[in-house]
Protein backbone atom coordinates (compact mmCIF):
# COMPACT_ATOMS: atom_id res chain seq x y z
CA PHE A 1 -30.42 -16.90 -6.23
CA GLY A 2 -30.56 -18.07 -9.86
CA GLY A 3 -31.64 -15.18 -12.09
CA ALA A 4 -31.54 -12.76 -9.15
CA SER A 5 -31.00 -9.04 -9.69
CA LEU A 6 -28.06 -8.05 -7.50
CA GLU A 7 -26.76 -5.17 -9.59
CA ARG A 8 -24.24 -3.02 -7.67
CA ALA A 9 -24.76 -5.14 -4.53
CA PHE A 10 -22.17 -4.85 -1.74
CA LEU A 11 -21.14 -8.46 -1.10
CA LEU A 12 -17.59 -7.89 0.11
CA LEU A 13 -16.13 -11.01 1.83
CA THR A 14 -19.48 -12.86 1.53
CA ASN A 15 -19.53 -16.65 1.69
CA LEU A 16 -21.39 -17.81 -1.44
CA ALA A 17 -19.59 -21.14 -1.81
CA GLY A 18 -21.68 -23.50 -3.93
CA ALA A 19 -24.41 -20.91 -4.48
CA ASN A 20 -26.60 -21.08 -7.58
CA LEU A 21 -26.23 -17.66 -9.20
CA ALA A 22 -26.88 -18.84 -12.76
CA GLY A 23 -28.19 -15.99 -14.89
CA ALA A 24 -27.94 -13.52 -12.00
CA ASN A 25 -27.34 -9.83 -12.70
CA LEU A 26 -24.28 -8.92 -10.63
CA ALA A 27 -23.16 -6.02 -12.83
CA GLY A 28 -21.05 -3.59 -10.83
CA ALA A 29 -21.35 -5.69 -7.66
CA ASN A 30 -18.57 -5.60 -5.09
CA LEU A 31 -17.59 -9.24 -4.49
CA ALA A 32 -13.99 -8.52 -3.45
CA GLY A 33 -12.67 -11.32 -1.26
CA ALA A 34 -15.91 -13.28 -1.58
CA ASN A 35 -15.89 -17.07 -1.35
CA LEU A 36 -17.51 -18.33 -4.58
CA VAL A 37 -15.81 -21.74 -4.59
CA GLY A 38 -17.92 -24.12 -6.64
CA ALA A 39 -20.57 -21.49 -7.32
CA LYS A 40 -22.79 -21.84 -10.39
CA LEU A 41 -22.46 -18.56 -12.32
CA THR A 42 -23.44 -19.80 -15.79
CA GLY A 43 -24.64 -16.93 -17.93
CA ALA A 44 -24.29 -14.47 -15.03
CA ASN A 45 -23.78 -10.78 -15.77
CA LEU A 46 -20.64 -9.72 -13.90
CA VAL A 47 -19.84 -6.71 -16.11
CA GLY A 48 -17.72 -4.25 -14.12
CA ALA A 49 -17.89 -6.39 -10.97
CA LYS A 50 -15.17 -6.07 -8.35
CA LEU A 51 -13.80 -9.57 -7.74
CA GLU A 52 -10.33 -8.74 -6.43
CA GLY A 53 -9.11 -11.58 -4.23
CA ALA A 54 -12.32 -13.57 -4.73
CA LYS A 55 -12.16 -17.34 -4.46
CA LEU A 56 -13.64 -18.71 -7.71
CA ALA A 57 -11.96 -22.13 -7.69
CA GLU A 58 -14.13 -24.79 -9.35
CA ALA A 59 -16.78 -22.15 -10.15
CA ASN A 60 -18.91 -22.62 -13.27
CA LEU A 61 -18.60 -19.38 -15.26
CA VAL A 62 -19.68 -20.85 -18.62
CA GLY A 63 -21.06 -18.06 -20.78
CA ALA A 64 -20.65 -15.46 -18.02
CA LYS A 65 -20.18 -11.79 -18.94
CA LEU A 66 -17.06 -10.49 -17.18
CA GLU A 67 -16.33 -7.45 -19.37
CA GLY A 68 -14.40 -4.84 -17.38
CA ALA A 69 -14.45 -6.99 -14.22
CA LYS A 70 -11.60 -6.60 -11.75
CA LEU A 71 -10.16 -10.06 -11.05
CA VAL A 72 -6.69 -9.16 -9.73
CA GLY A 73 -5.67 -11.73 -7.13
CA ALA A 74 -8.76 -13.88 -7.74
CA SER A 75 -8.35 -17.65 -7.59
CA LEU A 76 -9.69 -19.32 -10.75
CA VAL A 77 -8.11 -22.77 -10.31
CA GLY A 78 -10.37 -25.34 -11.92
CA ALA A 79 -12.99 -22.75 -12.87
CA SER A 80 -14.86 -23.31 -16.13
CA LEU A 81 -14.74 -20.22 -18.36
CA VAL A 82 -15.93 -21.74 -21.66
CA GLY A 83 -17.68 -19.04 -23.68
CA ALA A 84 -17.15 -16.41 -20.97
CA SER A 85 -16.44 -12.86 -22.14
CA LEU A 86 -13.44 -11.25 -20.44
CA VAL A 87 -12.97 -8.20 -22.72
CA GLY A 88 -11.36 -5.41 -20.72
CA ALA A 89 -11.17 -7.48 -17.52
CA SER A 90 -8.22 -6.88 -15.17
CA LEU A 91 -6.48 -10.16 -14.37
CA VAL A 92 -3.05 -8.97 -13.19
């Protein structure tokens, strides 16, 4: 799925554990409750994505764009967020 265009995709509760989504366009996608444990999301566009309750433990989000993303209740334990942009993101 690396570089895939999944803008505004409905991926609610989807199991994407370990998936390679590097550089993917997931802007506005609904990933609420999705399992993204260990997923590779380097440089992914997640602007405005709905990630409430998503499991992002150990995910690689280096350089990801998360502006305006909804991350309330998301698990980010061990996730790498170096260089990620979280401007306007909801975390609590």
